[in-house]
Amino acid sequence: MAAKDCIKGLVVGGLIGAALGILYAPKRGEETREEIAKSFQELREKAKHQLDETCTKMDELASRGKELYSEGKEKVSKALDFCAKEKAAGTS
């Protein structure tokens, strides 16, 4: 959820920055359009980079979650086997 909020903040911040730049920069229309295109491209690259980092982190977390699940499953299985053996030894 935090990554999603971060990406939203990045996009909104970029749009606000671009809008303020347009409002306060007295330039020709062509120059303004070029700057808008450049700002948009930079924002797009930043968002893509952030998305790539987020996806990598999510993959790492998913992998670690699978490892922890497997370890936990193995420990529970061993504990159940132990209990079954103890129960069988106690009834003999």
N, C-alpha and C. Protein backbone atom coordinates (compact mmCIF):
# COMPACT_ATOMS: atom_id res chain seq x y z
N MET A 1 0.82 -1.19 0.00
CA MET A 1 0.00 0.00 0.00
C MET A 1 0.87 1.26 0.00
N ALA A 2 1.97 1.24 0.73
CA ALA A 2 2.85 2.40 0.81
C ALA A 2 3.47 2.71 -0.55
N ALA A 3 3.80 1.68 -1.32
CA ALA A 3 4.39 1.90 -2.65
C ALA A 3 3.38 2.59 -3.56
N LYS A 4 2.13 2.18 -3.47
CA LYS A 4 1.08 2.78 -4.28
C LYS A 4 0.94 4.27 -3.93
N ASP A 5 0.97 4.57 -2.64
CA ASP A 5 0.86 5.95 -2.19
C ASP A 5 2.07 6.76 -2.65
N CYS A 6 3.22 6.13 -2.64
CA CYS A 6 4.45 6.81 -3.08
C CYS A 6 4.36 7.17 -4.56
N ILE A 7 3.88 6.23 -5.36
CA ILE A 7 3.76 6.47 -6.80
C ILE A 7 2.73 7.57 -7.05
N LYS A 8 1.60 7.53 -6.34
CA LYS A 8 0.58 8.57 -6.50
C LYS A 8 1.18 9.93 -6.13
N GLY A 9 1.93 9.98 -5.03
CA GLY A 9 2.55 11.23 -4.62
C GLY A 9 3.53 11.75 -5.64
N LEU A 10 4.28 10.84 -6.24
CA LEU A 10 5.24 11.21 -7.26
C LEU A 10 4.54 11.82 -8.47
N VAL A 11 3.48 11.18 -8.91
CA VAL A 11 2.74 11.65 -10.08
C VAL A 11 2.09 13.00 -9.78
N VAL A 12 1.39 13.10 -8.65
CA VAL A 12 0.72 14.36 -8.29
C VAL A 12 1.73 15.48 -8.12
N GLY A 13 2.83 15.19 -7.45
CA GLY A 13 3.87 16.21 -7.27
C GLY A 13 4.45 16.69 -8.59
N GLY A 14 4.65 15.77 -9.50
CA GLY A 14 5.17 16.13 -10.82
C GLY A 14 4.19 17.00 -11.59
N LEU A 15 2.91 16.65 -11.51
CA LEU A 15 1.90 17.45 -12.21
C LEU A 15 1.79 18.85 -11.61
N ILE A 16 1.83 18.95 -10.30
CA ILE A 16 1.77 20.26 -9.64
C ILE A 16 2.99 21.10 -10.03
N GLY A 17 4.15 20.46 -10.01
CA GLY A 17 5.38 21.17 -10.39
C GLY A 17 5.33 21.66 -11.83
N ALA A 18 4.82 20.84 -12.72
CA ALA A 18 4.71 21.23 -14.12
C ALA A 18 3.73 22.39 -14.28
N ALA A 19 2.60 22.32 -13.59
CA ALA A 19 1.62 23.39 -13.67
C ALA A 19 2.18 24.71 -13.15
N LEU A 20 2.88 24.66 -12.02
CA LEU A 20 3.47 25.89 -11.48
C LEU A 20 4.54 26.44 -12.41
N GLY A 21 5.28 25.56 -13.02
CA GLY A 21 6.30 26.00 -13.97
C GLY A 21 5.69 26.72 -15.15
N ILE A 22 4.57 26.22 -15.63
CA ILE A 22 3.89 26.85 -16.76
C ILE A 22 3.34 28.22 -16.35
N LEU A 23 2.75 28.28 -15.17
CA LEU A 23 2.13 29.53 -14.72
C LEU A 23 3.14 30.65 -14.49
N TYR A 24 4.31 30.30 -14.01
CA TYR A 24 5.29 31.32 -13.62
C TYR A 24 6.44 31.50 -14.61
N ALA A 25 6.38 30.88 -15.73
CA ALA A 25 7.46 30.99 -16.71
C ALA A 25 6.96 31.68 -17.97
N PRO A 26 7.27 32.95 -18.14
CA PRO A 26 6.80 33.66 -19.33
C PRO A 26 7.66 33.31 -20.55
N LYS A 27 7.23 32.30 -21.26
CA LYS A 27 7.98 31.85 -22.43
C LYS A 27 7.03 31.70 -23.61
N ARG A 28 7.61 31.51 -24.77
CA ARG A 28 6.81 31.26 -25.97
C ARG A 28 6.10 29.92 -25.82
N GLY A 29 5.01 29.76 -26.52
CA GLY A 29 4.23 28.53 -26.48
C GLY A 29 5.04 27.30 -26.84
N GLU A 30 5.90 27.44 -27.86
CA GLU A 30 6.72 26.30 -28.29
C GLU A 30 7.69 25.87 -27.19
N GLU A 31 8.32 26.84 -26.54
CA GLU A 31 9.24 26.52 -25.46
C GLU A 31 8.51 25.88 -24.29
N THR A 32 7.33 26.42 -24.00
CA THR A 32 6.53 25.86 -22.91
C THR A 32 6.14 24.42 -23.21
N ARG A 33 5.71 24.15 -24.43
CA ARG A 33 5.34 22.77 -24.81
C ARG A 33 6.54 21.83 -24.72
N GLU A 34 7.71 22.31 -25.11
CA GLU A 34 8.92 21.49 -25.02
C GLU A 34 9.24 21.17 -23.56
N GLU A 35 9.10 22.18 -22.70
CA GLU A 35 9.37 21.96 -21.28
C GLU A 35 8.35 20.99 -20.67
N ILE A 36 7.10 21.15 -21.08
CA ILE A 36 6.06 20.24 -20.58
C ILE A 36 6.39 18.81 -21.02
N ALA A 37 6.76 18.63 -22.27
CA ALA A 37 7.10 17.30 -22.77
C ALA A 37 8.30 16.73 -22.03
N LYS A 38 9.29 17.58 -21.79
CA LYS A 38 10.49 17.13 -21.07
C LYS A 38 10.13 16.75 -19.63
N SER A 39 9.33 17.59 -18.97
CA SER A 39 8.92 17.30 -17.59
C SER A 39 8.12 16.02 -17.53
N PHE A 40 7.23 15.84 -18.49
CA PHE A 40 6.42 14.62 -18.52
C PHE A 40 7.31 13.40 -18.71
N GLN A 41 8.28 13.49 -19.59
CA GLN A 41 9.20 12.37 -19.84
C GLN A 41 9.99 12.04 -18.58
N GLU A 42 10.49 13.06 -17.89
CA GLU A 42 11.24 12.83 -16.66
C GLU A 42 10.34 12.19 -15.60
N LEU A 43 9.12 12.69 -15.47
CA LEU A 43 8.17 12.13 -14.52
C LEU A 43 7.85 10.68 -14.85
N ARG A 44 7.69 10.41 -16.13
CA ARG A 44 7.41 9.05 -16.58
C ARG A 44 8.57 8.12 -16.23
N GLU A 45 9.79 8.57 -16.46
CA GLU A 45 10.97 7.75 -16.15
C GLU A 45 11.07 7.49 -14.65
N LYS A 46 10.81 8.52 -13.84
CA LYS A 46 10.86 8.36 -12.39
C LYS A 46 9.79 7.37 -11.92
N ALA A 47 8.59 7.50 -12.47
CA ALA A 47 7.51 6.60 -12.10
C ALA A 47 7.84 5.16 -12.50
N LYS A 48 8.41 4.98 -13.68
CA LYS A 48 8.79 3.63 -14.14
C LYS A 48 9.87 3.05 -13.22
N HIS A 49 10.84 3.88 -12.87
CA HIS A 49 11.91 3.42 -11.97
C HIS A 49 11.33 3.01 -10.62
N GLN A 50 10.43 3.83 -10.09
CA GLN A 50 9.80 3.54 -8.80
C GLN A 50 8.98 2.26 -8.90
N LEU A 51 8.27 2.08 -10.00
CA LEU A 51 7.47 0.88 -10.19
C LEU A 51 8.37 -0.36 -10.27
N ASP A 52 9.48 -0.24 -11.00
CA ASP A 52 10.42 -1.36 -11.09
C ASP A 52 10.98 -1.74 -9.71
N GLU A 53 11.35 -0.72 -8.93
CA GLU A 53 11.87 -0.99 -7.59
C GLU A 53 10.80 -1.64 -6.72
N THR A 54 9.58 -1.15 -6.83
CA THR A 54 8.48 -1.71 -6.04
C THR A 54 8.21 -3.16 -6.42
N CYS A 55 8.20 -3.44 -7.71
CA CYS A 55 7.97 -4.82 -8.16
C CYS A 55 9.09 -5.75 -7.68
N THR A 56 10.32 -5.28 -7.74
CA THR A 56 11.44 -6.09 -7.27
C THR A 56 11.29 -6.38 -5.78
N LYS A 57 10.95 -5.35 -5.02
CA LYS A 57 10.77 -5.53 -3.57
C LYS A 57 9.61 -6.49 -3.29
N MET A 58 8.53 -6.37 -4.04
CA MET A 58 7.38 -7.26 -3.85
C MET A 58 7.77 -8.71 -4.16
N ASP A 59 8.55 -8.91 -5.20
CA ASP A 59 9.02 -10.26 -5.54
C ASP A 59 9.88 -10.83 -4.41
N GLU A 60 10.77 -9.99 -3.86
CA GLU A 60 11.61 -10.44 -2.76
C GLU A 60 10.77 -10.81 -1.54
N LEU A 61 9.78 -9.97 -1.23
CA LEU A 61 8.91 -10.25 -0.09
C LEU A 61 8.08 -11.51 -0.31
N ALA A 62 7.59 -11.71 -1.52
CA ALA A 62 6.82 -12.91 -1.82
C ALA A 62 7.69 -14.16 -1.67
N SER A 63 8.91 -14.07 -2.15
CA SER A 63 9.84 -15.20 -2.04
C SER A 63 10.13 -15.51 -0.58
N ARG A 64 10.37 -14.47 0.21
CA ARG A 64 10.65 -14.67 1.63
C ARG A 64 9.43 -15.25 2.34
N GLY A 65 8.24 -14.79 1.96
CA GLY A 65 7.01 -15.33 2.53
C GLY A 65 6.85 -16.81 2.24
N LYS A 66 7.18 -17.22 1.02
CA LYS A 66 7.10 -18.64 0.66
C LYS A 66 8.09 -19.45 1.48
N GLU A 67 9.30 -18.90 1.67
CA GLU A 67 10.30 -19.60 2.48
C GLU A 67 9.81 -19.77 3.92
N LEU A 68 9.28 -18.71 4.49
CA LEU A 68 8.79 -18.78 5.87
C LEU A 68 7.62 -19.76 5.99
N TYR A 69 6.76 -19.76 4.99
CA TYR A 69 5.63 -20.70 4.99
C TYR A 69 6.15 -22.14 4.98
N SER A 70 7.11 -22.42 4.10
CA SER A 70 7.67 -23.77 4.02
C SER A 70 8.34 -24.18 5.33
N GLU A 71 9.10 -23.25 5.93
CA GLU A 71 9.75 -23.56 7.20
C GLU A 71 8.72 -23.84 8.28
N GLY A 72 7.70 -23.02 8.34
CA GLY A 72 6.65 -23.20 9.34
C GLY A 72 5.91 -24.50 9.14
N LYS A 73 5.60 -24.82 7.90
CA LYS A 73 4.90 -26.06 7.57
C LYS A 73 5.74 -27.27 8.00
N GLU A 74 7.04 -27.20 7.74
CA GLU A 74 7.94 -28.30 8.13
C GLU A 74 8.00 -28.46 9.65
N LYS A 75 8.07 -27.34 10.37
CA LYS A 75 8.13 -27.40 11.84
C LYS A 75 6.84 -27.97 12.41
N VAL A 76 5.70 -27.57 11.87
CA VAL A 76 4.42 -28.10 12.34
C VAL A 76 4.33 -29.59 12.06
N SER A 77 4.79 -30.00 10.89
CA SER A 77 4.77 -31.41 10.54
C SER A 77 5.63 -32.23 11.50
N LYS A 78 6.82 -31.72 11.81
CA LYS A 78 7.70 -32.41 12.75
C LYS A 78 7.07 -32.48 14.13
N ALA A 79 6.44 -31.39 14.56
CA ALA A 79 5.80 -31.37 15.88
C ALA A 79 4.65 -32.37 15.93
N LEU A 80 3.86 -32.46 14.86
CA LEU A 80 2.76 -33.42 14.82
C LEU A 80 3.28 -34.86 14.83
N ASP A 81 4.34 -35.11 14.09
CA ASP A 81 4.95 -36.44 14.09
C ASP A 81 5.45 -36.80 15.49
N PHE A 82 6.10 -35.86 16.15
CA PHE A 82 6.60 -36.09 17.50
C PHE A 82 5.45 -36.41 18.45
N CYS A 83 4.40 -35.63 18.36
CA CYS A 83 3.23 -35.86 19.23
C CYS A 83 2.60 -37.23 18.96
N ALA A 84 2.52 -37.59 17.70
CA ALA A 84 1.95 -38.89 17.35
C ALA A 84 2.81 -40.03 17.90
N LYS A 85 4.13 -39.88 17.80
CA LYS A 85 5.03 -40.90 18.35
C LYS A 85 4.92 -40.98 19.86
N GLU A 86 4.85 -39.83 20.52
CA GLU A 86 4.72 -39.80 21.97
C GLU A 86 3.40 -40.43 22.41
N LYS A 87 2.36 -40.15 21.66
CA LYS A 87 1.06 -40.71 21.99
C LYS A 87 1.09 -42.23 21.81
N ALA A 88 1.70 -42.68 20.70
CA ALA A 88 1.80 -44.12 20.44
C ALA A 88 2.67 -44.78 21.50
N ALA A 89 3.74 -44.17 21.92
CA ALA A 89 4.62 -44.75 22.93
C ALA A 89 3.91 -44.79 24.29
N GLY A 90 3.06 -43.84 24.56
CA GLY A 90 2.35 -43.79 25.84
C GLY A 90 1.24 -44.83 25.92
N THR A 91 0.65 -45.22 24.81
CA THR A 91 -0.44 -46.21 24.83
C THR A 91 0.08 -47.62 24.77
N SER A 92 1.35 -47.83 24.51
CA SER A 92 1.88 -49.20 24.40
C SER A 92 2.16 -49.82 25.72
